[in-house]
PDB file of N, CA and C in Angstrom:
ATOM      1  N   MET A   1       0.831  -1.194   0.000  1.00  0.00           N
ATOM      2  CA  MET A   1       0.000   0.000   0.000  1.00  0.00           C
ATOM      3  C   MET A   1       0.870   1.251   0.000  1.00  0.00           C
ATOM      4  N   VAL A   2       1.980   1.201   0.742  1.00  0.00           N
ATOM      5  CA  VAL A   2       2.879   2.365   0.778  1.00  0.00           C
ATOM      6  C   VAL A   2       3.419   2.648  -0.619  1.00  0.00           C
ATOM      7  N   ILE A   3       3.817   1.616  -1.342  1.00  0.00           N
ATOM      8  CA  ILE A   3       4.367   1.798  -2.695  1.00  0.00           C
ATOM      9  C   ILE A   3       3.287   2.304  -3.641  1.00  0.00           C
ATOM     10  N   ALA A   4       2.075   1.775  -3.529  1.00  0.00           N
ATOM     11  CA  ALA A   4       0.987   2.223  -4.397  1.00  0.00           C
ATOM     12  C   ALA A   4       0.648   3.693  -4.150  1.00  0.00           C
ATOM     13  N   LEU A   5       0.579   4.086  -2.890  1.00  0.00           N
ATOM     14  CA  LEU A   5       0.282   5.489  -2.579  1.00  0.00           C
ATOM     15  C   LEU A   5       1.436   6.402  -2.974  1.00  0.00           C
ATOM     16  N   ALA A   6       2.675   5.967  -2.726  1.00  0.00           N
ATOM     17  CA  ALA A   6       3.825   6.780  -3.105  1.00  0.00           C
ATOM     18  C   ALA A   6       3.852   6.986  -4.616  1.00  0.00           C
ATOM     19  N   SER A   7       3.515   5.958  -5.373  1.00  0.00           N
ATOM     20  CA  SER A   7       3.465   6.086  -6.838  1.00  0.00           C
ATOM     21  C   SER A   7       2.344   7.025  -7.265  1.00  0.00           C
ATOM     22  N   THR A   8       1.205   6.931  -6.600  1.00  0.00           N
ATOM     23  CA  THR A   8       0.093   7.832  -6.917  1.00  0.00           C
ATOM     24  C   THR A   8       0.457   9.277  -6.621  1.00  0.00           C
ATOM     25  N   TYR A   9       1.065   9.519  -5.469  1.00  0.00           N
ATOM     26  CA  TYR A   9       1.453  10.879  -5.102  1.00  0.00           C
ATOM     27  C   TYR A   9       2.567  11.400  -6.000  1.00  0.00           C
ATOM     28  N   ARG A  10       3.364  10.525  -6.554  1.00  0.00           N
ATOM     29  CA  ARG A  10       4.493  10.932  -7.410  1.00  0.00           C
ATOM     30  C   ARG A  10       4.043  11.242  -8.825  1.00  0.00           C
ATOM     31  N   PHE A  11       3.158  10.385  -9.397  1.00  0.00           N
ATOM     32  CA  PHE A  11       2.818  10.500 -10.813  1.00  0.00           C
ATOM     33  C   PHE A  11       1.459  11.150 -11.085  1.00  0.00           C
ATOM     34  N   ALA A  12       0.552  11.209 -10.126  1.00  0.00           N
ATOM     35  CA  ALA A  12      -0.788  11.728 -10.377  1.00  0.00           C
ATOM     36  C   ALA A  12      -0.859  13.250 -10.542  1.00  0.00           C
ATOM     37  N   PRO A  13      -0.116  14.055  -9.788  1.00  0.00           N
ATOM     38  CA  PRO A  13      -0.254  15.503  -9.956  1.00  0.00           C
ATOM     39  C   PRO A  13       0.191  15.963 -11.348  1.00  0.00           C
ATOM     40  N   SER A  14      -0.500  16.968 -11.845  1.00  0.00           N
ATOM     41  CA  SER A  14      -0.166  17.526 -13.154  1.00  0.00           C
ATOM     42  C   SER A  14       0.893  18.596 -12.964  1.00  0.00           C
ATOM     43  N   ARG A  15       2.134  18.161 -12.843  1.00  0.00           N
ATOM     44  CA  ARG A  15       3.258  19.063 -12.648  1.00  0.00           C
ATOM     45  C   ARG A  15       4.532  18.328 -13.004  1.00  0.00           C
ATOM     46  N   GLU A  16       5.606  19.068 -13.024  1.00  0.00           N
ATOM     47  CA  GLU A  16       6.892  18.416 -13.195  1.00  0.00           C
ATOM     48  C   GLU A  16       7.088  17.470 -12.023  1.00  0.00           C
ATOM     49  N   ALA A  17       7.685  16.344 -12.275  1.00  0.00           N
ATOM     50  CA  ALA A  17       7.790  15.286 -11.266  1.00  0.00           C
ATOM     51  C   ALA A  17       8.542  15.754 -10.015  1.00  0.00           C
ATOM     52  N   PRO A  18       7.910  15.631  -8.837  1.00  0.00           N
ATOM     53  CA  PRO A  18       8.615  15.966  -7.603  1.00  0.00           C
ATOM     54  C   PRO A  18       9.629  14.875  -7.267  1.00  0.00           C
ATOM     55  N   LYS A  19      10.544  15.198  -6.408  1.00  0.00           N
ATOM     56  CA  LYS A  19      11.519  14.193  -5.986  1.00  0.00           C
ATOM     57  C   LYS A  19      10.850  13.220  -5.019  1.00  0.00           C
ATOM     58  N   TRP A  20      11.344  12.004  -4.987  1.00  0.00           N
ATOM     59  CA  TRP A  20      10.733  10.941  -4.188  1.00  0.00           C
ATOM     60  C   TRP A  20      10.748  11.223  -2.699  1.00  0.00           C
ATOM     61  N   ARG A  21      11.689  11.987  -2.196  1.00  0.00           N
ATOM     62  CA  ARG A  21      11.746  12.156  -0.753  1.00  0.00           C
ATOM     63  C   ARG A  21      10.524  12.865  -0.188  1.00  0.00           C
ATOM     64  N   TRP A  22       9.762  13.562  -1.016  1.00  0.00           N
ATOM     65  CA  TRP A  22       8.590  14.282  -0.523  1.00  0.00           C
ATOM     66  C   TRP A  22       7.350  13.417  -0.462  1.00  0.00           C
ATOM     67  N   VAL A  23       7.376  12.251  -1.064  1.00  0.00           N
ATOM     68  CA  VAL A  23       6.168  11.432  -1.048  1.00  0.00           C
ATOM     69  C   VAL A  23       6.201  10.353   0.016  1.00  0.00           C
ATOM     70  N   SER A  24       7.328  10.078   0.624  1.00  0.00           N
ATOM     71  CA  SER A  24       7.400   8.957   1.550  1.00  0.00           C
ATOM     72  C   SER A  24       6.590   9.179   2.825  1.00  0.00           C
ATOM     73  N   TRP A  25       6.664  10.347   3.442  1.00  0.00           N
ATOM     74  CA  TRP A  25       5.955  10.569   4.705  1.00  0.00           C
ATOM     75  C   TRP A  25       4.443  10.547   4.523  1.00  0.00           C
ATOM     76  N   GLY A  26       3.951  11.136   3.460  1.00  0.00           N
ATOM     77  CA  GLY A  26       2.505  11.122   3.218  1.00  0.00           C
ATOM     78  C   GLY A  26       1.974   9.726   2.967  1.00  0.00           C
ATOM     79  N   SER A  27       2.721   8.922   2.210  1.00  0.00           N
ATOM     80  CA  SER A  27       2.261   7.565   1.931  1.00  0.00           C
ATOM     81  C   SER A  27       2.351   6.682   3.179  1.00  0.00           C
ATOM     82  N   ILE A  28       3.369   6.865   3.994  1.00  0.00           N
ATOM     83  CA  ILE A  28       3.466   6.095   5.238  1.00  0.00           C
ATOM     84  C   ILE A  28       2.334   6.482   6.188  1.00  0.00           C
ATOM     85  N   PHE A  29       2.091   7.779   6.341  1.00  0.00           N
ATOM     86  CA  PHE A  29       1.009   8.259   7.199  1.00  0.00           C
ATOM     87  C   PHE A  29      -0.345   7.759   6.699  1.00  0.00           C
ATOM     88  N   ALA A  30      -0.589   7.874   5.385  1.00  0.00           N
ATOM     89  CA  ALA A  30      -1.873   7.451   4.827  1.00  0.00           C
ATOM     90  C   ALA A  30      -2.080   5.947   4.979  1.00  0.00           C
ATOM     91  N   THR A  31      -1.035   5.168   4.788  1.00  0.00           N
ATOM     92  CA  THR A  31      -1.168   3.721   4.945  1.00  0.00           C
ATOM     93  C   THR A  31      -1.487   3.345   6.384  1.00  0.00           C
ATOM     94  N   ALA A  32      -0.779   3.937   7.334  1.00  0.00           N
ATOM     95  CA  ALA A  32      -1.045   3.641   8.746  1.00  0.00           C
ATOM     96  C   ALA A  32      -2.457   4.073   9.134  1.00  0.00           C
ATOM     97  N   LEU A  33      -2.864   5.252   8.694  1.00  0.00           N
ATOM     98  CA  LEU A  33      -4.203   5.730   9.011  1.00  0.00           C
ATOM     99  C   LEU A  33      -5.274   4.895   8.316  1.00  0.00           C
ATOM    100  N   TRP A  34      -5.009   4.450   7.084  1.00  0.00           N
ATOM    101  CA  TRP A  34      -5.954   3.616   6.345  1.00  0.00           C
ATOM    102  C   TRP A  34      -6.172   2.283   7.054  1.00  0.00           C
ATOM    103  N   ILE A  35      -5.073   1.684   7.536  1.00  0.00           N
ATOM    104  CA  ILE A  35      -5.198   0.413   8.263  1.00  0.00           C
ATOM    105  C   ILE A  35      -5.997   0.627   9.553  1.00  0.00           C
ATOM    106  N   ALA A  36      -5.681   1.678  10.295  1.00  0.00           N
ATOM    107  CA  ALA A  36      -6.399   1.962  11.539  1.00  0.00           C
ATOM    108  C   ALA A  36      -7.876   2.267  11.268  1.00  0.00           C
ATOM    109  N   ALA A  37      -8.156   3.053  10.239  1.00  0.00           N
ATOM    110  CA  ALA A  37      -9.544   3.390   9.911  1.00  0.00           C
ATOM    111  C   ALA A  37     -10.314   2.160   9.440  1.00  0.00           C
ATOM    112  N   SER A  38      -9.667   1.288   8.679  1.00  0.00           N
ATOM    113  CA  SER A  38     -10.329   0.067   8.221  1.00  0.00           C
ATOM    114  C   SER A  38     -10.655  -0.853   9.392  1.00  0.00           C
ATOM    115  N   ILE A  39      -9.723  -0.988  10.325  1.00  0.00           N
ATOM    116  CA  ILE A  39      -9.973  -1.816  11.501  1.00  0.00           C
ATOM    117  C   ILE A  39     -11.085  -1.201  12.351  1.00  0.00           C
ATOM    118  N   GLY A  40     -11.027   0.110  12.546  1.00  0.00           N
ATOM    119  CA  GLY A  40     -12.067   0.778  13.318  1.00  0.00           C
ATOM    120  C   GLY A  40     -13.439   0.679  12.674  1.00  0.00           C
ATOM    121  N   PHE A  41     -13.501   0.858  11.358  1.00  0.00           N
ATOM    122  CA  PHE A  41     -14.785   0.761  10.654  1.00  0.00           C
ATOM    123  C   PHE A  41     -15.295  -0.675  10.678  1.00  0.00           C
ATOM    124  N   SER A  42     -14.396  -1.637  10.549  1.00  0.00           N
ATOM    125  CA  SER A  42     -14.793  -3.049  10.622  1.00  0.00           C
ATOM    126  C   SER A  42     -15.381  -3.367  11.990  1.00  0.00           C
ATOM    127  N   PHE A  43     -14.727  -2.859  13.033  1.00  0.00           N
ATOM    128  CA  PHE A  43     -15.248  -3.063  14.390  1.00  0.00           C
ATOM    129  C   PHE A  43     -16.617  -2.413  14.547  1.00  0.00           C
ATOM    130  N   TYR A  44     -16.781  -1.221  14.014  1.00  0.00           N
ATOM    131  CA  TYR A  44     -18.066  -0.521  14.101  1.00  0.00           C
ATOM    132  C   TYR A  44     -19.176  -1.291  13.386  1.00  0.00           C
ATOM    133  N   VAL A  45     -18.871  -1.780  12.181  1.00  0.00           N
ATOM    134  CA  VAL A  45     -19.884  -2.493  11.405  1.00  0.00           C
ATOM    135  C   VAL A  45     -20.284  -3.797  12.095  1.00  0.00           C
ATOM    136  N   THR A  46     -19.290  -4.522  12.618  1.00  0.00           N
ATOM    137  CA  THR A  46     -19.629  -5.788  13.278  1.00  0.00           C
ATOM    138  C   THR A  46     -20.330  -5.574  14.616  1.00  0.00           C
ATOM    139  N   SER A  47     -20.008  -4.493  15.314  1.00  0.00           N
ATOM    140  CA  SER A  47     -20.653  -4.280  16.614  1.00  0.00           C
ATOM    141  C   SER A  47     -22.047  -3.678  16.477  1.00  0.00           C
ATOM    142  N   SER A  48     -22.266  -2.844  15.471  1.00  0.00           N
ATOM    143  CA  SER A  48     -23.603  -2.266  15.312  1.00  0.00           C
ATOM    144  C   SER A  48     -24.540  -3.285  14.682  1.00  0.00           C
ATOM    145  N   GLY A  49     -24.122  -3.914  13.594  1.00  0.00           N
ATOM    146  CA  GLY A  49     -24.879  -5.012  12.996  1.00  0.00           C
ATOM    147  C   GLY A  49     -26.288  -4.699  12.544  1.00  0.00           C
ATOM    148  N   SER A  50     -26.625  -3.453  12.292  1.00  0.00           N
ATOM    149  CA  SER A  50     -27.993  -3.140  11.881  1.00  0.00           C
ATOM    150  C   SER A  50     -28.091  -2.748  10.407  1.00  0.00           C
ATOM    151  N   TYR A  51     -27.020  -2.875   9.675  1.00  0.00           N
ATOM    152  CA  TYR A  51     -27.066  -2.495   8.258  1.00  0.00           C
ATOM    153  C   TYR A  51     -28.025  -3.374   7.474  1.00  0.00           C
ATOM    154  N   ASP A  52     -28.038  -4.671   7.741  1.00  0.00           N
ATOM    155  CA  ASP A  52     -28.933  -5.552   6.997  1.00  0.00           C
ATOM    156  C   ASP A  52     -30.395  -5.300   7.358  1.00  0.00           C
ATOM    157  N   ARG A  53     -30.665  -4.961   8.615  1.00  0.00           N
ATOM    158  CA  ARG A  53     -32.047  -4.649   8.998  1.00  0.00           C
ATOM    159  C   ARG A  53     -32.490  -3.300   8.448  1.00  0.00           C
ATOM    160  N   THR A  54     -31.556  -2.339   8.405  1.00  0.00           N
ATOM    161  CA  THR A  54     -31.911  -0.999   7.935  1.00  0.00           C
ATOM    162  C   THR A  54     -32.024  -0.937   6.414  1.00  0.00           C
ATOM    163  N   PHE A  55     -31.057  -1.509   5.726  1.00  0.00           N
ATOM    164  CA  PHE A  55     -30.992  -1.372   4.277  1.00  0.00           C
ATOM    165  C   PHE A  55     -31.362  -2.647   3.525  1.00  0.00           C
ATOM    166  N   GLY A  56     -31.628  -3.711   4.225  1.00  0.00           N
ATOM    167  CA  GLY A  56     -31.980  -4.969   3.568  1.00  0.00           C
ATOM    168  C   GLY A  56     -30.778  -5.555   2.855  1.00  0.00           C
ATOM    169  N   SER A  57     -31.021  -6.048   1.658  1.00  0.00           N
ATOM    170  CA  SER A  57     -29.937  -6.688   0.910  1.00  0.00           C
ATOM    171  C   SER A  57     -28.918  -5.681   0.397  1.00  0.00           C
ATOM    172  N   LEU A  58     -29.233  -4.400   0.416  1.00  0.00           N
ATOM    173  CA  LEU A  58     -28.285  -3.370  -0.020  1.00  0.00           C
ATOM    174  C   LEU A  58     -27.341  -2.929   1.103  1.00  0.00           C
ATOM    175  N   GLY A  59     -27.446  -3.554   2.264  1.00  0.00           N
ATOM    176  CA  GLY A  59     -26.589  -3.196   3.393  1.00  0.00           C
ATOM    177  C   GLY A  59     -25.114  -3.368   3.086  1.00  0.00           C
ATOM    178  N   ALA A  60     -24.765  -4.426   2.359  1.00  0.00           N
ATOM    179  CA  ALA A  60     -23.358  -4.655   1.997  1.00  0.00           C
ATOM    180  C   ALA A  60     -22.854  -3.563   1.072  1.00  0.00           C
ATOM    181  N   VAL A  61     -23.698  -3.087   0.184  1.00  0.00           N
ATOM    182  CA  VAL A  61     -23.304  -2.008  -0.730  1.00  0.00           C
ATOM    183  C   VAL A  61     -23.077  -0.718   0.050  1.00  0.00           C
ATOM    184  N   VAL A  62     -23.933  -0.439   1.007  1.00  0.00           N
ATOM    185  CA  VAL A  62     -23.788   0.762   1.832  1.00  0.00           C
ATOM    186  C   VAL A  62     -22.477   0.701   2.622  1.00  0.00           C
ATOM    187  N   VAL A  63     -22.174  -0.448   3.194  1.00  0.00           N
ATOM    188  CA  VAL A  63     -20.931  -0.611   3.953  1.00  0.00           C
ATOM    189  C   VAL A  63     -19.728  -0.434   3.031  1.00  0.00           C
ATOM    190  N   LEU A  64     -19.759  -1.049   1.853  1.00  0.00           N
ATOM    191  CA  LEU A  64     -18.648  -0.937   0.906  1.00  0.00           C
ATOM    192  C   LEU A  64     -18.436   0.509   0.457  1.00  0.00           C
ATOM    193  N   LEU A  65     -19.509   1.210   0.130  1.00  0.00           N
ATOM    194  CA  LEU A  65     -19.379   2.604  -0.304  1.00  0.00           C
ATOM    195  C   LEU A  65     -18.876   3.502   0.822  1.00  0.00           C
ATOM    196  N   THR A  66     -19.285   3.228   2.039  1.00  0.00           N
ATOM    197  CA  THR A  66     -18.785   4.002   3.177  1.00  0.00           C
ATOM    198  C   THR A  66     -17.300   3.749   3.388  1.00  0.00           C
ATOM    199  N   TRP A  67     -16.867   2.497   3.230  1.00  0.00           N
ATOM    200  CA  TRP A  67     -15.435   2.181   3.357  1.00  0.00           C
ATOM    201  C   TRP A  67     -14.639   2.852   2.237  1.00  0.00           C
ATOM    202  N   PHE A  68     -15.193   2.894   1.003  1.00  0.00           N
ATOM    203  CA  PHE A  68     -14.528   3.613  -0.088  1.00  0.00           C
ATOM    204  C   PHE A  68     -14.373   5.094   0.246  1.00  0.00           C
ATOM    205  N   TYR A  69     -15.406   5.687   0.839  1.00  0.00           N
ATOM    206  CA  TYR A  69     -15.368   7.097   1.213  1.00  0.00           C
ATOM    207  C   TYR A  69     -14.273   7.351   2.255  1.00  0.00           C
ATOM    208  N   ILE A  70     -14.215   6.507   3.271  1.00  0.00           N
ATOM    209  CA  ILE A  70     -13.186   6.649   4.306  1.00  0.00           C
ATOM    210  C   ILE A  70     -11.801   6.485   3.696  1.00  0.00           C
ATOM    211  N   SER A  71     -11.629   5.510   2.815  1.00  0.00           N
ATOM    212  CA  SER A  71     -10.334   5.266   2.176  1.00  0.00           C
ATOM    213  C   SER A  71      -9.905   6.447   1.318  1.00  0.00           C
ATOM    214  N   ALA A  72     -10.837   7.016   0.556  1.00  0.00           N
ATOM    215  CA  ALA A  72     -10.504   8.172  -0.284  1.00  0.00           C
ATOM    216  C   ALA A  72     -10.101   9.365   0.566  1.00  0.00           C
ATOM    217  N   TYR A  73     -10.775   9.573   1.674  1.00  0.00           N
ATOM    218  CA  TYR A  73     -10.443  10.681   2.572  1.00  0.00           C
ATOM    219  C   TYR A  73      -9.036  10.521   3.146  1.00  0.00           C
ATOM    220  N   VAL A  74      -8.676   9.294   3.507  1.00  0.00           N
ATOM    221  CA  VAL A  74      -7.348   9.030   4.057  1.00  0.00           C
ATOM    222  C   VAL A  74      -6.269   9.274   3.001  1.00  0.00           C
ATOM    223  N   VAL A  75      -6.519   8.849   1.764  1.00  0.00           N
ATOM    224  CA  VAL A  75      -5.555   9.086   0.681  1.00  0.00           C
ATOM    225  C   VAL A  75      -5.366  10.584   0.453  1.00  0.00           C
ATOM    226  N   LEU A  76      -6.434  11.350   0.504  1.00  0.00           N
ATOM    227  CA  LEU A  76      -6.323  12.801   0.354  1.00  0.00           C
ATOM    228  C   LEU A  76      -5.563  13.439   1.514  1.00  0.00           C
ATOM    229  N   LEU A  77      -5.735  12.929   2.721  1.00  0.00           N
ATOM    230  CA  LEU A  77      -4.968  13.450   3.860  1.00  0.00           C
ATOM    231  C   LEU A  77      -3.473  13.220   3.670  1.00  0.00           C
ATOM    232  N   GLY A  78      -3.096  12.064   3.148  1.00  0.00           N
ATOM    233  CA  GLY A  78      -1.683  11.794   2.866  1.00  0.00           C
ATOM    234  C   GLY A  78      -1.132  12.733   1.809  1.00  0.00           C
ATOM    235  N   ALA A  79      -1.930  13.009   0.779  1.00  0.00           N
ATOM    236  CA  ALA A  79      -1.497  13.942  -0.262  1.00  0.00           C
ATOM    237  C   ALA A  79      -1.355  15.355   0.298  1.00  0.00           C
ATOM    238  N   CYS A  80      -2.255  15.749   1.182  1.00  0.00           N
ATOM    239  CA  CYS A  80      -2.149  17.076   1.814  1.00  0.00           C
ATOM    240  C   CYS A  80      -0.901  17.176   2.679  1.00  0.00           C
ATOM    241  N   LEU A  81      -0.560  16.108   3.375  1.00  0.00           N
ATOM    242  CA  LEU A  81       0.652  16.101   4.177  1.00  0.00           C
ATOM    243  C   LEU A  81       1.882  16.289   3.295  1.00  0.00           C
ATOM    244  N   ASP A  82       1.931  15.577   2.163  1.00  0.00           N
ATOM    245  CA  ASP A  82       3.052  15.743   1.239  1.00  0.00           C
ATOM    246  C   ASP A  82       3.125  17.171   0.698  1.00  0.00           C
ATOM    247  N   ALA A  83       1.983  17.738   0.358  1.00  0.00           N
ATOM    248  CA  ALA A  83       1.968  19.094  -0.177  1.00  0.00           C
ATOM    249  C   ALA A  83       2.456  20.106   0.860  1.00  0.00           C
ATOM    250  N   GLU A  84       2.032  19.956   2.098  1.00  0.00           N
ATOM    251  CA  GLU A  84       2.476  20.884   3.133  1.00  0.00           C
ATOM    252  C   GLU A  84       3.949  20.701   3.474  1.00  0.00           C
ATOM    253  N   MET A  85       4.438  19.473   3.419  1.00  0.00           N
ATOM    254  CA  MET A  85       5.871  19.260   3.652  1.00  0.00           C
ATOM    255  C   MET A  85       6.695  19.951   2.571  1.00  0.00           C
ATOM    256  N   GLU A  86       6.202  19.895   1.344  1.00  0.00           N
ATOM    257  CA  GLU A  86       6.913  20.568   0.261  1.00  0.00           C
ATOM    258  C   GLU A  86       6.814  22.082   0.410  1.00  0.00           C
ATOM    259  N   ARG A  87       5.701  22.541   0.891  1.00  0.00           N
ATOM    260  CA  ARG A  87       5.491  23.985   1.044  1.00  0.00           C
ATOM    261  C   ARG A  87       6.369  24.579   2.139  1.00  0.00           C
ATOM    262  N   GLN A  88       6.783  23.803   3.117  1.00  0.00           N
ATOM    263  CA  GLN A  88       7.547  24.303   4.246  1.00  0.00           C
ATOM    264  C   GLN A  88       9.031  24.490   3.950  1.00  0.00           C
ATOM    265  N   THR A  89       9.447  24.286   2.735  1.00  0.00           N
ATOM    266  CA  THR A  89      10.857  24.447   2.402  1.00  0.00           C
ATOM    267  C   THR A  89      11.028  25.453   1.275  1.00  0.00           C
ATOM    268  N   ALA A  90      12.065  26.234   1.339  1.00  0.00           N
ATOM    269  CA  ALA A  90      12.365  27.186   0.270  1.00  0.00           C
ATOM    270  C   ALA A  90      13.246  26.538  -0.790  1.00  0.00           C
ATOM    271  N   ARG A  91      13.760  25.335  -0.499  1.00  0.00           N
ATOM    272  CA  ARG A  91      14.627  24.629  -1.439  1.00  0.00           C
ATOM    273  C   ARG A  91      13.802  24.124  -2.627  1.00  0.00           C
ATOM    274  N   ASP A  92      14.363  24.164  -3.817  1.00  0.00           N
ATOM    275  CA  ASP A  92      13.684  23.693  -5.028  1.00  0.00           C
ATOM    276  C   ASP A  92      13.574  22.172  -4.974  1.00  0.00           C
ATOM    277  N   THR A  93      12.335  21.658  -4.988  1.00  0.00           N
ATOM    278  CA  THR A  93      12.116  20.217  -4.902  1.00  0.00           C
ATOM    279  C   THR A  93      11.743  19.609  -6.239  1.00  0.00           C
ATOM    280  N   THR A  94      11.700  20.391  -7.293  1.00  0.00           N
ATOM    281  CA  THR A  94      11.361  19.859  -8.605  1.00  0.00           C
ATOM    282  C   THR A  94      12.613  19.302  -9.270  1.00  0.00           C
ATOM    283  N   THR A  95      12.398  18.566 -10.354  1.00  0.00           N
ATOM    284  CA  THR A  95      13.529  17.982 -11.065  1.00  0.00           C
ATOM    285  C   THR A  95      14.165  19.018 -11.982  1.00  0.00           C
ATOM    286  N   GLY A  96      15.346  18.728 -12.454  1.00  0.00           N
ATOM    287  CA  GLY A  96      16.051  19.639 -13.353  1.00  0.00           C
ATOM    288  C   GLY A  96      16.875  20.643 -12.579  1.00  0.00           C
ATOM    289  N   PRO A  97      17.407  21.634 -13.289  1.00  0.00           N
ATOM    290  CA  PRO A  97      18.236  22.641 -12.607  1.00  0.00           C
ATOM    291  C   PRO A  97      17.389  23.492 -11.657  1.00  0.00           C
ATOM    292  N   GLU A  98      18.042  24.015 -10.623  1.00  0.00           N
ATOM    293  CA  GLU A  98      17.346  24.866  -9.646  1.00  0.00           C
ATOM    294  C   GLU A  98      16.785  26.103 -10.335  1.00  0.00           C
ATOM    295  N   LYS A  99      15.543  26.447  -9.987  1.00  0.00           N
ATOM    296  CA  LYS A  99      14.886  27.626 -10.534  1.00  0.00           C
ATOM    297  C   LYS A  99      14.448  28.502  -9.381  1.00  0.00           C
ATOM    298  N   PRO A 100      14.344  29.812  -9.621  1.00  0.00           N
ATOM    299  CA  PRO A 100      13.858  30.692  -8.549  1.00  0.00           C
ATOM    300  C   PRO A 100      12.384  30.434  -8.259  1.00  0.00           C
ATOM    301  N   MET A 101      11.975  30.752  -7.039  1.00  0.00           N
ATOM    302  CA  MET A 101      10.598  30.555  -6.651  1.00  0.00           C
ATOM    303  C   MET A 101       9.675  31.367  -7.557  1.00  0.00           C
ATOM    304  N   GLY A 102       8.592  30.760  -7.973  1.00  0.00           N
ATOM    305  CA  GLY A 102       7.642  31.402  -8.869  1.00  0.00           C
ATOM    306  C   GLY A 102       7.782  30.935 -10.303  1.00  0.00           C
ATOM    307  N   SER A 103       8.874  30.272 -10.633  1.00  0.00           N
ATOM    308  CA  SER A 103       9.063  29.795 -12.013  1.00  0.00           C
ATOM    309  C   SER A 103       9.332  28.294 -12.057  1.00  0.00           C
ATOM    310  N   ARG A 104       8.955  27.580 -11.021  1.00  0.00           N
ATOM    311  CA  ARG A 104       9.229  26.145 -10.946  1.00  0.00           C
ATOM    312  C   ARG A 104       8.155  25.287 -11.594  1.00  0.00           C
ATOM    313  N   GLY A 105       6.988  25.837 -11.856  1.00  0.00           N
ATOM    314  CA  GLY A 105       5.910  25.078 -12.472  1.00  0.00           C
ATOM    315  C   GLY A 105       5.189  24.149 -11.505  1.00  0.00           C
ATOM    316  N   ALA A 106       5.257  24.432 -10.213  1.00  0.00           N
ATOM    317  CA  ALA A 106       4.585  23.616  -9.201  1.00  0.00           C
ATOM    318  C   ALA A 106       4.023  24.545  -8.132  1.00  0.00           C
ATOM    319  N   LYS A 107       2.714  24.462  -7.897  1.00  0.00           N
ATOM    320  CA  LYS A 107       2.062  25.395  -6.974  1.00  0.00           C
ATOM    321  C   LYS A 107       2.688  25.387  -5.586  1.00  0.00           C
ATOM    322  N   MET A 108       2.878  24.214  -5.002  1.00  0.00           N
ATOM    323  CA  MET A 108       3.402  24.157  -3.642  1.00  0.00           C
ATOM    324  C   MET A 108       4.890  24.487  -3.589  1.00  0.00           C
ATOM    325  N   ALA A 109       5.637  24.116  -4.622  1.00  0.00           N
ATOM    326  CA  ALA A 109       7.077  24.403  -4.631  1.00  0.00           C
ATOM    327  C   ALA A 109       7.378  25.866  -4.968  1.00  0.00           C
ATOM    328  N   ASP A 110       6.384  26.577  -5.484  1.00  0.00           N
ATOM    329  CA  ASP A 110       6.569  27.974  -5.839  1.00  0.00           C
ATOM    330  C   ASP A 110       6.178  28.925  -4.730  1.00  0.00           C
ATOM    331  N   THR A 111       5.718  28.412  -3.608  1.00  0.00           N
ATOM    332  CA  THR A 111       5.362  29.255  -2.473  1.00  0.00           C
ATOM    333  C   THR A 111       5.957  28.658  -1.200  1.00  0.00           C
ATOM    334  N   VAL A 112       6.180  29.487  -0.236  1.00  0.00           N
ATOM    335  CA  VAL A 112       6.666  29.031   1.067  1.00  0.00           C
ATOM    336  C   VAL A 112       5.700  29.555   2.106  1.00  0.00           C
ATOM    337  N   ALA A 113       5.379  28.724   3.087  1.00  0.00           N
ATOM    338  CA  ALA A 113       4.484  29.161   4.146  1.00  0.00           C
ATOM    339  C   ALA A 113       5.098  30.325   4.906  1.00  0.00           C
ATOM    340  N   HIS A 114       4.239  31.192   5.399  1.00  0.00           N
ATOM    341  CA  HIS A 114       4.725  32.345   6.173  1.00  0.00           C
ATOM    342  C   HIS A 114       5.329  31.863   7.490  1.00  0.00           C
ATOM    343  N   ASP A 115       6.311  32.579   7.968  1.00  0.00           N
ATOM    344  CA  ASP A 115       7.005  32.157   9.189  1.00  0.00           C
ATOM    345  C   ASP A 115       6.321  32.639  10.459  1.00  0.00           C
ATOM    346  N   GLY A 116       5.150  33.231  10.369  1.00  0.00           N
ATOM    347  CA  GLY A 116       4.413  33.673  11.550  1.00  0.00           C
ATOM    348  C   GLY A 116       4.950  34.941  12.162  1.00  0.00           C
ATOM    349  N   GLY A 117       5.620  35.787  11.376  1.00  0.00           N
ATOM    350  CA  GLY A 117       6.123  37.064  11.866  1.00  0.00           C
ATOM    351  C   GLY A 117       7.478  36.991  12.529  1.00  0.00           C
ATOM    352  N   ARG A 118       8.211  35.917  12.323  1.00  0.00           N
ATOM    353  CA  ARG A 118       9.539  35.804  12.922  1.00  0.00           C
ATOM    354  C   ARG A 118      10.563  36.587  12.148  1.00  0.00           C
TER     355      ARG A 118
END
């Protein structure tokens, strides 16, 4: 799962390819959170046990779609973590020769978070 998420975070954005070091923390975080959320949701579904009474034969579909929703949210959280990690550095993280900020062709790499008035 870590490799699949790291590949998604590396190749999915429409930008010049970021370096691999920026995708590892987001994919590790997302994988750990995905496993924890899946276990927690599984525990919730088995302990509540009213999906079949509430939704009838469509209860399994409702559970599956809810798990897809939770999984998608976790993947987006990992991508946000990677984006913020890239934003916190003034160093050029794109491939090729170093370029000044604003001309790198990457939204997060072209801006740096404010230092809070320091």
